[in-house]
């Protein structure tokens, strides 16, 4: 009783078709498909715009310079150790 068999799904599908009709279901399906298509298109456009905006500012002859990330604790330790050396 806990699992849904194929017969349960067919009865549910038949009830949905009777209640809404095939024309409304076809229109709803095409509307949903066009909404998903437009969503995907806007996502790709957003990625293209983000790629254009994220060009590196320190580009020399078309090559970007990379700077290794700094750790805040290591710079604080280096500063503290340099103060003690003086």
Protein backbone atom coordinates (compact mmCIF):
# COMPACT_ATOMS: atom_id res chain seq x y z
CA UNK A 1 0.00 0.00 0.00
CA UNK A 2 2.95 2.36 0.64
CA UNK A 3 4.45 2.07 -2.84
CA UNK A 4 2.83 3.53 -5.92
CA UNK A 5 2.46 1.04 -8.76
CA UNK A 6 2.00 1.80 -12.44
CA UNK A 7 -1.76 1.40 -12.04
CA UNK A 8 -1.90 4.13 -9.42
CA UNK A 9 -0.07 6.52 -11.75
CA UNK A 10 -2.32 5.66 -14.70
CA UNK A 11 -5.45 6.35 -12.64
CA UNK A 12 -4.00 9.69 -11.46
CA UNK A 13 -3.12 10.61 -15.05
CA UNK A 14 -6.63 9.72 -16.24
CA UNK A 15 -8.21 11.86 -13.51
CA UNK A 16 -5.95 14.82 -14.38
CA UNK A 17 -6.84 14.53 -18.08
CA UNK A 18 -10.55 14.36 -17.30
CA UNK A 19 -10.43 17.34 -14.93
CA UNK A 20 -8.22 19.66 -16.99
CA UNK A 21 -8.68 18.38 -20.54
CA UNK A 22 -6.01 17.71 -23.10
CA UNK A 23 -5.98 21.23 -24.57
CA UNK A 24 -5.19 22.88 -21.22
CA UNK A 25 -2.53 20.28 -20.47
CA UNK A 26 -0.92 20.83 -23.90
CA UNK A 27 -0.89 24.60 -23.36
CA UNK A 28 0.53 24.21 -19.86
CA UNK A 29 3.25 21.89 -21.17
CA UNK A 30 4.27 24.27 -23.95
CA UNK A 31 4.26 27.23 -21.53
CA UNK A 32 6.45 25.31 -19.11
CA UNK A 33 8.83 24.30 -21.91
CA UNK A 34 9.21 27.87 -23.17
CA UNK A 35 9.77 29.12 -19.61
CA UNK A 36 12.58 26.60 -19.08
CA UNK A 37 14.08 27.50 -22.46
CA UNK A 38 14.06 31.23 -21.64
CA UNK A 39 15.55 30.53 -18.21
CA UNK A 40 18.44 28.57 -19.72
CA UNK A 41 19.02 31.31 -22.31
CA UNK A 42 19.17 34.00 -19.63
CA UNK A 43 21.56 31.90 -17.54
CA UNK A 44 23.95 31.57 -20.50
CA UNK A 45 23.71 35.32 -21.17
CA UNK A 46 24.49 35.99 -17.51
CA UNK A 47 27.57 33.76 -17.67
CA UNK A 48 28.77 35.56 -20.82
CA UNK A 49 28.37 38.97 -19.17
CA UNK A 50 30.13 37.78 -16.02
CA UNK A 51 33.02 36.47 -18.13
CA UNK A 52 33.39 39.83 -19.86
CA UNK A 53 33.40 41.74 -16.56
CA UNK A 54 35.96 39.53 -14.83
CA UNK A 55 38.92 40.45 -17.04
CA UNK A 56 42.06 40.94 -14.93
CA UNK A 57 43.15 44.54 -14.36
CA UNK A 58 46.88 43.67 -14.32
CA UNK A 59 47.12 42.31 -17.84
CA UNK A 60 50.47 42.82 -19.54
CA UNK A 61 50.78 41.91 -23.22
CA UNK A 62 47.63 39.82 -23.03
CA UNK A 63 48.90 37.72 -20.12
CA UNK A 64 47.43 38.01 -16.66
CA UNK A 65 49.69 38.09 -13.64
CA UNK A 66 48.67 35.83 -10.80
CA UNK A 67 49.23 36.78 -7.21
CA UNK A 68 49.27 33.99 -4.63
CA UNK A 69 46.64 34.39 -1.91
CA UNK A 70 47.84 35.77 1.38
CA UNK A 71 46.85 34.43 4.73
CA UNK A 72 45.91 37.13 7.26
CA UNK A 73 47.45 35.23 10.16
CA UNK A 74 50.80 34.76 8.39
CA UNK A 75 51.06 38.47 7.57
CA UNK A 76 50.27 39.35 11.20
CA UNK A 77 52.94 36.90 12.38
CA UNK A 78 55.49 38.35 9.96
CA UNK A 79 54.69 41.88 11.11
CA UNK A 80 55.00 40.91 14.77
CA UNK A 81 58.29 39.11 14.22
CA UNK A 82 59.72 42.06 12.29
CA UNK A 83 58.80 44.42 15.16
CA UNK A 84 60.73 42.26 17.61
CA UNK A 85 63.83 42.21 15.43
CA UNK A 86 64.19 45.98 15.46
